[in-house]
Protein backbone atom coordinates (compact mmCIF):
# COMPACT_ATOMS: atom_id res chain seq x y z
CA UNK A 1 0.00 0.00 0.00
CA UNK A 2 2.93 2.34 0.64
CA UNK A 3 4.20 1.77 -2.91
CA UNK A 4 0.72 2.50 -4.28
CA UNK A 5 0.58 5.65 -2.14
CA UNK A 6 4.00 6.74 -3.46
CA UNK A 7 2.87 6.26 -7.05
CA UNK A 8 -0.40 8.10 -6.38
CA UNK A 9 1.34 11.07 -4.75
CA UNK A 10 3.89 11.18 -7.58
CA UNK A 11 1.07 11.21 -10.11
CA UNK A 12 -0.63 14.02 -8.20
CA UNK A 13 2.62 15.98 -8.09
CA UNK A 14 3.11 15.54 -11.83
CA UNK A 15 -0.38 16.23 -13.15
CA UNK A 16 -1.88 18.52 -10.51
CA UNK A 17 1.17 20.60 -9.59
CA UNK A 18 3.39 20.17 -12.64
CA UNK A 19 6.35 18.99 -10.52
CA UNK A 20 8.58 16.72 -12.57
CA UNK A 21 10.36 13.63 -11.26
CA UNK A 22 12.84 12.64 -10.00
CA UNK A 23 11.99 14.05 -6.59
CA UNK A 24 14.34 14.72 -3.68
CA UNK A 25 15.10 12.13 -1.01
CA UNK A 26 12.86 13.86 1.52
CA UNK A 27 9.83 14.21 -0.77
CA UNK A 28 6.66 12.32 0.08
CA UNK A 29 6.78 9.97 -2.93
CA UNK A 30 10.41 9.02 -2.09
CA UNK A 31 9.68 8.45 1.60
CA UNK A 32 6.58 6.36 0.92
CA UNK A 33 8.24 4.41 -1.89
CA UNK A 34 11.40 3.74 0.08
CA UNK A 35 9.50 2.51 3.12
CA UNK A 36 7.16 0.42 0.97
CA UNK A 37 9.99 -1.03 -1.11
CA UNK A 38 12.12 -1.90 1.92
CA UNK A 39 9.20 -3.57 3.70
CA UNK A 40 8.18 -5.40 0.53
CA UNK A 41 11.72 -6.67 -0.06
CA UNK A 42 12.06 -7.82 3.55
CA UNK A 43 8.63 -9.45 3.47
CA UNK A 44 9.32 -11.35 0.27
CA UNK A 45 12.67 -12.60 1.61
CA UNK A 46 10.86 -13.89 4.71
CA UNK A 47 8.06 -15.39 2.60
CA UNK A 48 10.62 -17.15 0.36
CA UNK A 49 12.28 -18.60 3.47
CA UNK A 50 8.95 -19.82 4.84
CA UNK A 51 7.99 -21.30 1.47
CA UNK A 52 11.28 -23.23 1.29
CA UNK A 53 10.85 -24.62 4.81
CA UNK A 54 7.17 -25.53 4.46
CA UNK A 55 6.26 -29.18 4.88
CA UNK A 56 5.48 -30.74 1.47
CA UNK A 57 2.03 -31.88 2.62
CA UNK A 58 1.04 -28.31 3.52
CA UNK A 59 0.87 -27.17 -0.07
CA UNK A 60 0.14 -28.26 -3.59
CA UNK A 61 3.38 -29.33 -5.29
CA UNK A 62 1.97 -28.27 -8.66
CA UNK A 63 1.63 -24.68 -7.34
CA UNK A 64 5.14 -24.48 -5.89
CA UNK A 65 6.75 -23.06 -9.03
CA UNK A 66 4.02 -20.41 -9.42
CA UNK A 67 4.22 -19.48 -5.73
CA UNK A 68 7.97 -19.00 -5.82
CA UNK A 69 7.84 -17.19 -9.15
CA UNK A 70 5.34 -14.72 -7.72
CA UNK A 71 7.47 -14.17 -4.62
CA UNK A 72 10.55 -13.63 -6.80
CA UNK A 73 8.67 -11.15 -9.02
CA UNK A 74 7.51 -9.19 -5.97
CA UNK A 75 11.09 -9.08 -4.70
CA UNK A 76 12.41 -8.01 -8.11
CA UNK A 77 9.88 -5.18 -8.22
CA UNK A 78 10.86 -3.97 -4.74
CA UNK A 79 14.61 -4.37 -5.32
CA UNK A 80 14.64 -2.56 -8.67
CA UNK A 81 12.60 0.26 -7.12
CA UNK A 82 15.09 0.64 -4.28
CA UNK A 83 18.08 0.58 -6.65
CA UNK A 84 16.31 3.14 -8.84
CA UNK A 85 15.74 5.36 -5.81
CA UNK A 86 19.36 5.11 -4.71
CA UNK A 87 20.87 5.75 -8.16
CA UNK A 88 18.36 8.22 -9.61
CA UNK A 89 21.01 10.92 -10.04
CA UNK A 90 23.34 8.74 -12.14
CA UNK A 91 23.40 8.23 -15.91
CA UNK A 92 21.97 4.74 -15.30
CA UNK A 93 18.54 6.24 -14.54
CA UNK A 94 16.90 5.39 -17.91
CA UNK A 95 18.03 1.76 -17.78
CA UNK A 96 17.07 1.34 -14.13
CA UNK A 97 13.69 2.94 -14.76
CA UNK A 98 13.06 0.57 -17.68
CA UNK A 99 13.99 -2.44 -15.53
CA UNK A 100 11.76 -1.32 -12.66
CA UNK A 101 8.78 -0.51 -14.85
CA UNK A 102 9.29 -3.83 -16.67
CA UNK A 103 9.12 -5.66 -13.33
CA UNK A 104 5.99 -3.74 -12.36
CA UNK A 105 4.41 -4.50 -15.75
CA UNK A 106 5.28 -8.19 -15.43
CA UNK A 107 3.74 -8.24 -11.95
CA UNK A 108 0.45 -6.80 -13.16
CA UNK A 109 0.45 -8.76 -16.43
CA UNK A 110 0.58 -12.01 -14.43
CA UNK A 111 -2.09 -10.78 -11.99
CA UNK A 112 -4.99 -12.82 -13.42
CA UNK A 113 -2.98 -16.06 -13.55
CA UNK A 114 -1.83 -16.47 -9.97
CA UNK A 115 -2.87 -16.12 -6.37
CA UNK A 116 -2.54 -12.35 -6.60
CA UNK A 117 -5.94 -12.33 -8.34
CA UNK A 118 -7.48 -13.67 -5.16
CA UNK A 119 -7.35 -10.15 -3.73
CA UNK A 120 -9.65 -8.87 -6.48
CA UNK A 121 -12.12 -11.71 -5.99
CA UNK A 122 -12.00 -11.39 -2.21
CA UNK A 123 -12.60 -7.64 -2.45
CA UNK A 124 -15.60 -8.21 -4.74
CA UNK A 125 -16.98 -10.84 -2.36
CA UNK A 126 -16.64 -8.47 0.61
CA UNK A 127 -18.37 -5.70 -1.33
CA UNK A 128 -21.23 -8.03 -2.28
CA UNK A 129 -21.58 -9.22 1.32
CA UNK A 130 -21.69 -5.60 2.60
CA UNK A 131 -24.43 -4.75 0.09
CA UNK A 132 -26.46 -7.86 0.92
CA UNK A 133 -26.10 -7.25 4.66
CA UNK A 134 -27.82 -3.85 4.35
CA UNK A 135 -30.79 -5.20 2.42
CA UNK A 136 -33.83 -6.38 4.35
CA UNK A 137 -34.30 -10.11 4.47
CA UNK A 138 -36.73 -11.51 1.91
CA UNK A 139 -37.03 -14.80 3.76
CA UNK A 140 -40.36 -14.91 5.51
CA UNK A 141 -39.77 -17.53 8.18
CA UNK A 142 -42.88 -18.31 10.16
CA UNK A 143 -45.21 -16.50 7.76
CA UNK A 144 -47.57 -18.75 5.82
């Protein structure tokens, strides 16, 4: 969510205020993106470790490759973002930006094919449940 917030604030800076990237180290998009990227990288390293140590009967062996690929792609997205942030004043900026945006694109392009899509379905299910909860019951128990 911090990475999404960083992107959203950066978009607002660009289109609403006309401020062009790259931003300074103390700007809101940099602070949010750095915190989000560092936490995402640390979380994916921990998740990879847990996935490697998991008992084989606690998961579907056919899903193992997809699970680890998704974890690796999340880490690659976070790591390239952090490297981009650290080296944004160097001549390597265009290449690093292309690598980071490529990782982000790959992450979202694979969204419908993995467990990441579960978030969309779960969000839709929660929205439907909230709507149905507010409606009066049409079941007339006890009425003949």
